[in-house]
Amino acid sequence: VFKPFLQAVADECRHRGPEETERL
């Protein structure tokens, strides 16, 4: 049920880079 959310997190991290990946 949470897989779409986790995919949204992955998309956001790829878009914004390492700093956002570390934060999320």
PDB file of all heavy atoms in Angstrom:
ATOM      1  N   VAL A   1       0.834  -1.208   0.000  1.00  0.00           N
ATOM      2  CA  VAL A   1       0.000   0.000   0.000  1.00  0.00           C
ATOM      3  C   VAL A   1       0.871   1.261   0.000  1.00  0.00           C
ATOM      4  O   VAL A   1       0.480   2.300  -0.535  1.00  0.00           O
ATOM      5  CB  VAL A   1      -0.949  -0.017   1.218  1.00  0.00           C
ATOM      6  CG1 VAL A   1      -1.633   1.325   1.396  1.00  0.00           C
ATOM      7  CG2 VAL A   1      -2.000  -1.110   1.049  1.00  0.00           C
ATOM      8  N   PHE A   2       2.075   1.165   0.571  1.00  0.00           N
ATOM      9  CA  PHE A   2       2.961   2.336   0.660  1.00  0.00           C
ATOM     10  C   PHE A   2       3.942   2.429  -0.496  1.00  0.00           C
ATOM     11  O   PHE A   2       4.750   3.365  -0.548  1.00  0.00           O
ATOM     12  CB  PHE A   2       3.723   2.303   1.989  1.00  0.00           C
ATOM     13  CG  PHE A   2       2.888   2.686   3.182  1.00  0.00           C
ATOM     14  CD1 PHE A   2       2.168   1.728   3.878  1.00  0.00           C
ATOM     15  CD2 PHE A   2       2.806   4.004   3.596  1.00  0.00           C
ATOM     16  CE1 PHE A   2       1.392   2.070   4.973  1.00  0.00           C
ATOM     17  CE2 PHE A   2       2.025   4.358   4.692  1.00  0.00           C
ATOM     18  CZ  PHE A   2       1.317   3.385   5.382  1.00  0.00           C
ATOM     19  N   LYS A   3       3.923   1.481  -1.416  1.00  0.00           N
ATOM     20  CA  LYS A   3       4.883   1.504  -2.517  1.00  0.00           C
ATOM     21  C   LYS A   3       4.766   2.768  -3.380  1.00  0.00           C
ATOM     22  O   LYS A   3       5.797   3.328  -3.792  1.00  0.00           O
ATOM     23  CB  LYS A   3       4.741   0.248  -3.364  1.00  0.00           C
ATOM     24  CG  LYS A   3       5.354  -0.994  -2.723  1.00  0.00           C
ATOM     25  CD  LYS A   3       5.235  -2.196  -3.616  1.00  0.00           C
ATOM     26  CE  LYS A   3       6.176  -2.140  -4.793  1.00  0.00           C
ATOM     27  NZ  LYS A   3       7.555  -2.517  -4.433  1.00  0.00           N
ATOM     28  N   PRO A   4       3.566   3.273  -3.708  1.00  0.00           N
ATOM     29  CA  PRO A   4       3.511   4.531  -4.470  1.00  0.00           C
ATOM     30  C   PRO A   4       4.181   5.692  -3.742  1.00  0.00           C
ATOM     31  O   PRO A   4       4.836   6.536  -4.373  1.00  0.00           O
ATOM     32  CB  PRO A   4       2.005   4.767  -4.657  1.00  0.00           C
ATOM     33  CG  PRO A   4       1.403   3.404  -4.572  1.00  0.00           C
ATOM     34  CD  PRO A   4       2.212   2.678  -3.549  1.00  0.00           C
ATOM     35  N   PHE A   5       4.027   5.737  -2.417  1.00  0.00           N
ATOM     36  CA  PHE A   5       4.703   6.793  -1.651  1.00  0.00           C
ATOM     37  C   PHE A   5       6.220   6.641  -1.737  1.00  0.00           C
ATOM     38  O   PHE A   5       6.943   7.620  -1.974  1.00  0.00           O
ATOM     39  CB  PHE A   5       4.253   6.760  -0.191  1.00  0.00           C
ATOM     40  CG  PHE A   5       5.176   7.518   0.731  1.00  0.00           C
ATOM     41  CD1 PHE A   5       5.241   8.896   0.684  1.00  0.00           C
ATOM     42  CD2 PHE A   5       6.020   6.838   1.601  1.00  0.00           C
ATOM     43  CE1 PHE A   5       6.121   9.597   1.502  1.00  0.00           C
ATOM     44  CE2 PHE A   5       6.895   7.529   2.424  1.00  0.00           C
ATOM     45  CZ  PHE A   5       6.947   8.914   2.374  1.00  0.00           C
ATOM     46  N   LEU A   6       6.721   5.426  -1.549  1.00  0.00           N
ATOM     47  CA  LEU A   6       8.165   5.200  -1.616  1.00  0.00           C
ATOM     48  C   LEU A   6       8.708   5.514  -3.010  1.00  0.00           C
ATOM     49  O   LEU A   6       9.823   6.029  -3.152  1.00  0.00           O
ATOM     50  CB  LEU A   6       8.489   3.765  -1.218  1.00  0.00           C
ATOM     51  CG  LEU A   6       8.184   3.400   0.242  1.00  0.00           C
ATOM     52  CD1 LEU A   6       8.450   1.920   0.494  1.00  0.00           C
ATOM     53  CD2 LEU A   6       8.997   4.259   1.211  1.00  0.00           C
ATOM     54  N   GLN A   7       7.903   5.228  -4.048  1.00  0.00           N
ATOM     55  CA  GLN A   7       8.321   5.577  -5.400  1.00  0.00           C
ATOM     56  C   GLN A   7       8.353   7.094  -5.581  1.00  0.00           C
ATOM     57  O   GLN A   7       9.243   7.637  -6.246  1.00  0.00           O
ATOM     58  CB  GLN A   7       7.387   4.951  -6.425  1.00  0.00           C
ATOM     59  CG  GLN A   7       7.783   5.193  -7.875  1.00  0.00           C
ATOM     60  CD  GLN A   7       9.168   4.652  -8.192  1.00  0.00           C
ATOM     61  OE1 GLN A   7       9.434   3.470  -7.987  1.00  0.00           O
ATOM     62  NE2 GLN A   7      10.056   5.509  -8.699  1.00  0.00           N
ATOM     63  N   ALA A   8       7.400   7.799  -4.970  1.00  0.00           N
ATOM     64  CA  ALA A   8       7.386   9.261  -5.032  1.00  0.00           C
ATOM     65  C   ALA A   8       8.630   9.836  -4.348  1.00  0.00           C
ATOM     66  O   ALA A   8       9.213  10.827  -4.812  1.00  0.00           O
ATOM     67  CB  ALA A   8       6.120   9.816  -4.387  1.00  0.00           C
ATOM     68  N   VAL A   9       9.052   9.209  -3.241  1.00  0.00           N
ATOM     69  CA  VAL A   9      10.277   9.637  -2.560  1.00  0.00           C
ATOM     70  C   VAL A   9      11.482   9.431  -3.477  1.00  0.00           C
ATOM     71  O   VAL A   9      12.345  10.312  -3.608  1.00  0.00           O
ATOM     72  CB  VAL A   9      10.454   8.849  -1.243  1.00  0.00           C
ATOM     73  CG1 VAL A   9      11.848   9.092  -0.656  1.00  0.00           C
ATOM     74  CG2 VAL A   9       9.392   9.254  -0.233  1.00  0.00           C
ATOM     75  N   ALA A  10      11.547   8.265  -4.133  1.00  0.00           N
ATOM     76  CA  ALA A  10      12.655   7.997  -5.050  1.00  0.00           C
ATOM     77  C   ALA A  10      12.694   9.016  -6.183  1.00  0.00           C
ATOM     78  O   ALA A  10      13.774   9.519  -6.543  1.00  0.00           O
ATOM     79  CB  ALA A  10      12.523   6.571  -5.611  1.00  0.00           C
ATOM     80  N   ASP A  11      11.531   9.344  -6.745  1.00  0.00           N
ATOM     81  CA  ASP A  11      11.481  10.322  -7.835  1.00  0.00           C
ATOM     82  C   ASP A  11      11.961  11.693  -7.362  1.00  0.00           C
ATOM     83  O   ASP A  11      12.685  12.401  -8.086  1.00  0.00           O
ATOM     84  CB  ASP A  11      10.052  10.422  -8.378  1.00  0.00           C
ATOM     85  CG  ASP A  11       9.596   9.141  -9.057  1.00  0.00           C
ATOM     86  OD1 ASP A  11      10.462   8.318  -9.419  1.00  0.00           O
ATOM     87  OD2 ASP A  11       8.375   8.954  -9.219  1.00  0.00           O
ATOM     88  N   GLU A  12      11.554  12.083  -6.155  1.00  0.00           N
ATOM     89  CA  GLU A  12      11.954  13.377  -5.611  1.00  0.00           C
ATOM     90  C   GLU A  12      13.468  13.433  -5.390  1.00  0.00           C
ATOM     91  O   GLU A  12      14.122  14.446  -5.671  1.00  0.00           O
ATOM     92  CB  GLU A  12      11.210  13.625  -4.295  1.00  0.00           C
ATOM     93  CG  GLU A  12      11.351  15.018  -3.737  1.00  0.00           C
ATOM     94  CD  GLU A  12      10.550  16.053  -4.503  1.00  0.00           C
ATOM     95  OE1 GLU A  12       9.773  15.674  -5.412  1.00  0.00           O
ATOM     96  OE2 GLU A  12      10.698  17.249  -4.195  1.00  0.00           O
ATOM     97  N   CYS A  13      14.021  12.327  -4.901  1.00  0.00           N
ATOM     98  CA  CYS A  13      15.468  12.281  -4.643  1.00  0.00           C
ATOM     99  C   CYS A  13      16.254  12.379  -5.947  1.00  0.00           C
ATOM    100  O   CYS A  13      17.288  13.057  -6.016  1.00  0.00           O
ATOM    101  CB  CYS A  13      15.825  11.001  -3.899  1.00  0.00           C
ATOM    102  SG  CYS A  13      15.199  10.928  -2.202  1.00  0.00           S
ATOM    103  N   ARG A  14      15.808  11.695  -6.973  1.00  0.00           N
ATOM    104  CA  ARG A  14      16.501  11.763  -8.264  1.00  0.00           C
ATOM    105  C   ARG A  14      16.425  13.167  -8.854  1.00  0.00           C
ATOM    106  O   ARG A  14      17.366  13.635  -9.491  1.00  0.00           O
ATOM    107  CB  ARG A  14      15.893  10.752  -9.232  1.00  0.00           C
ATOM    108  CG  ARG A  14      16.280   9.316  -8.939  1.00  0.00           C
ATOM    109  CD  ARG A  14      16.001   8.405 -10.124  1.00  0.00           C
ATOM    110  NE  ARG A  14      16.368   7.037  -9.796  1.00  0.00           N
ATOM    111  CZ  ARG A  14      15.551   6.159  -9.229  1.00  0.00           C
ATOM    112  NH1 ARG A  14      14.319   6.512  -8.959  1.00  0.00           N
ATOM    113  NH2 ARG A  14      15.962   4.943  -8.945  1.00  0.00           N
ATOM    114  N   HIS A  15      15.297  13.808  -8.640  1.00  0.00           N
ATOM    115  CA  HIS A  15      15.101  15.144  -9.207  1.00  0.00           C
ATOM    116  C   HIS A  15      15.957  16.193  -8.497  1.00  0.00           C
ATOM    117  O   HIS A  15      16.531  17.081  -9.139  1.00  0.00           O
ATOM    118  CB  HIS A  15      13.621  15.515  -9.115  1.00  0.00           C
ATOM    119  CG  HIS A  15      13.302  16.891  -9.591  1.00  0.00           C
ATOM    120  ND1 HIS A  15      13.472  17.289 -10.903  1.00  0.00           N
ATOM    121  CD2 HIS A  15      12.842  17.988  -8.928  1.00  0.00           C
ATOM    122  CE1 HIS A  15      13.112  18.553 -11.036  1.00  0.00           C
ATOM    123  NE2 HIS A  15      12.734  19.005  -9.845  1.00  0.00           N
ATOM    124  N   ARG A  16      16.075  16.076  -7.172  1.00  0.00           N
ATOM    125  CA  ARG A  16      16.725  17.131  -6.389  1.00  0.00           C
ATOM    126  C   ARG A  16      18.150  16.801  -5.951  1.00  0.00           C
ATOM    127  O   ARG A  16      18.852  17.681  -5.441  1.00  0.00           O
ATOM    128  CB  ARG A  16      15.869  17.468  -5.159  1.00  0.00           C
ATOM    129  CG  ARG A  16      14.500  18.028  -5.535  1.00  0.00           C
ATOM    130  CD  ARG A  16      13.734  18.507  -4.330  1.00  0.00           C
ATOM    131  NE  ARG A  16      12.429  19.037  -4.693  1.00  0.00           N
ATOM    132  CZ  ARG A  16      12.216  20.284  -5.066  1.00  0.00           C
ATOM    133  NH1 ARG A  16      13.230  21.136  -5.146  1.00  0.00           N
ATOM    134  NH2 ARG A  16      11.005  20.689  -5.370  1.00  0.00           N
ATOM    135  N   GLY A  17      18.564  15.540  -6.086  1.00  0.00           N
ATOM    136  CA  GLY A  17      19.961  15.218  -5.845  1.00  0.00           C
ATOM    137  C   GLY A  17      20.290  14.729  -4.443  1.00  0.00           C
ATOM    138  O   GLY A  17      19.409  14.487  -3.616  1.00  0.00           O
ATOM    139  N   PRO A  18      21.593  14.598  -4.152  1.00  0.00           N
ATOM    140  CA  PRO A  18      22.051  13.976  -2.905  1.00  0.00           C
ATOM    141  C   PRO A  18      21.559  14.666  -1.633  1.00  0.00           C
ATOM    142  O   PRO A  18      21.266  14.009  -0.634  1.00  0.00           O
ATOM    143  CB  PRO A  18      23.583  14.058  -3.016  1.00  0.00           C
ATOM    144  CG  PRO A  18      23.859  14.160  -4.482  1.00  0.00           C
ATOM    145  CD  PRO A  18      22.712  14.929  -5.051  1.00  0.00           C
ATOM    146  N   GLU A  19      21.480  15.987  -1.642  1.00  0.00           N
ATOM    147  CA  GLU A  19      21.063  16.700  -0.427  1.00  0.00           C
ATOM    148  C   GLU A  19      19.634  16.327  -0.037  1.00  0.00           C
ATOM    149  O   GLU A  19      19.340  16.077   1.138  1.00  0.00           O
ATOM    150  CB  GLU A  19      21.183  18.209  -0.653  1.00  0.00           C
ATOM    151  CG  GLU A  19      20.868  19.020   0.600  1.00  0.00           C
ATOM    152  CD  GLU A  19      21.070  20.509   0.380  1.00  0.00           C
ATOM    153  OE1 GLU A  19      21.799  20.877  -0.562  1.00  0.00           O
ATOM    154  OE2 GLU A  19      20.503  21.292   1.165  1.00  0.00           O
ATOM    155  N   GLU A  20      18.748  16.272  -1.027  1.00  0.00           N
ATOM    156  CA  GLU A  20      17.364  15.894  -0.738  1.00  0.00           C
ATOM    157  C   GLU A  20      17.276  14.423  -0.370  1.00  0.00           C
ATOM    158  O   GLU A  20      16.463  14.038   0.486  1.00  0.00           O
ATOM    159  CB  GLU A  20      16.472  16.188  -1.957  1.00  0.00           C
ATOM    160  CG  GLU A  20      14.988  15.963  -1.718  1.00  0.00           C
ATOM    161  CD  GLU A  20      14.373  16.987  -0.781  1.00  0.00           C
ATOM    162  OE1 GLU A  20      15.110  17.878  -0.280  1.00  0.00           O
ATOM    163  OE2 GLU A  20      13.167  16.917  -0.536  1.00  0.00           O
ATOM    164  N   THR A  21      18.104  13.578  -0.974  1.00  0.00           N
ATOM    165  CA  THR A  21      18.117  12.159  -0.627  1.00  0.00           C
ATOM    166  C   THR A  21      18.493  11.973   0.833  1.00  0.00           C
ATOM    167  O   THR A  21      17.890  11.166   1.556  1.00  0.00           O
ATOM    168  CB  THR A  21      19.119  11.398  -1.524  1.00  0.00           C
ATOM    169  OG1 THR A  21      18.777  11.596  -2.889  1.00  0.00           O
ATOM    170  CG2 THR A  21      19.083   9.909  -1.220  1.00  0.00           C
ATOM    171  N   GLU A  22      19.491  12.744   1.273  1.00  0.00           N
ATOM    172  CA  GLU A  22      19.909  12.646   2.675  1.00  0.00           C
ATOM    173  C   GLU A  22      18.796  13.105   3.616  1.00  0.00           C
ATOM    174  O   GLU A  22      18.578  12.518   4.680  1.00  0.00           O
ATOM    175  CB  GLU A  22      21.169  13.501   2.885  1.00  0.00           C
ATOM    176  CG  GLU A  22      21.767  13.400   4.271  1.00  0.00           C
ATOM    177  CD  GLU A  22      22.309  12.014   4.595  1.00  0.00           C
ATOM    178  OE1 GLU A  22      22.577  11.242   3.652  1.00  0.00           O
ATOM    179  OE2 GLU A  22      22.447  11.697   5.789  1.00  0.00           O
ATOM    180  N   ARG A  23      18.093  14.167   3.222  1.00  0.00           N
ATOM    181  CA  ARG A  23      17.023  14.679   4.088  1.00  0.00           C
ATOM    182  C   ARG A  23      15.855  13.707   4.178  1.00  0.00           C
ATOM    183  O   ARG A  23      15.310  13.462   5.261  1.00  0.00           O
ATOM    184  CB  ARG A  23      16.523  16.036   3.554  1.00  0.00           C
ATOM    185  CG  ARG A  23      15.535  16.741   4.480  1.00  0.00           C
ATOM    186  CD  ARG A  23      15.013  18.023   3.857  1.00  0.00           C
ATOM    187  NE  ARG A  23      14.044  17.767   2.794  1.00  0.00           N
ATOM    188  CZ  ARG A  23      12.740  17.539   3.011  1.00  0.00           C
ATOM    189  NH1 ARG A  23      12.249  17.538   4.244  1.00  0.00           N
ATOM    190  NH2 ARG A  23      11.928  17.332   1.996  1.00  0.00           N
ATOM    191  N   LEU A  24      15.455  13.155   3.042  1.00  0.00           N
ATOM    192  CA  LEU A  24      14.276  12.279   3.023  1.00  0.00           C
ATOM    193  C   LEU A  24      14.576  10.872   3.520  1.00  0.00           C
ATOM    194  O   LEU A  24      13.701  10.215   4.097  1.00  0.00           O
ATOM    195  CB  LEU A  24      13.697  12.200   1.607  1.00  0.00           C
ATOM    196  CG  LEU A  24      13.018  13.461   1.071  1.00  0.00           C
ATOM    197  CD1 LEU A  24      12.574  13.250  -0.371  1.00  0.00           C
ATOM    198  CD2 LEU A  24      11.819  13.838   1.935  1.00  0.00           C
TER     199      LEU A  24
END
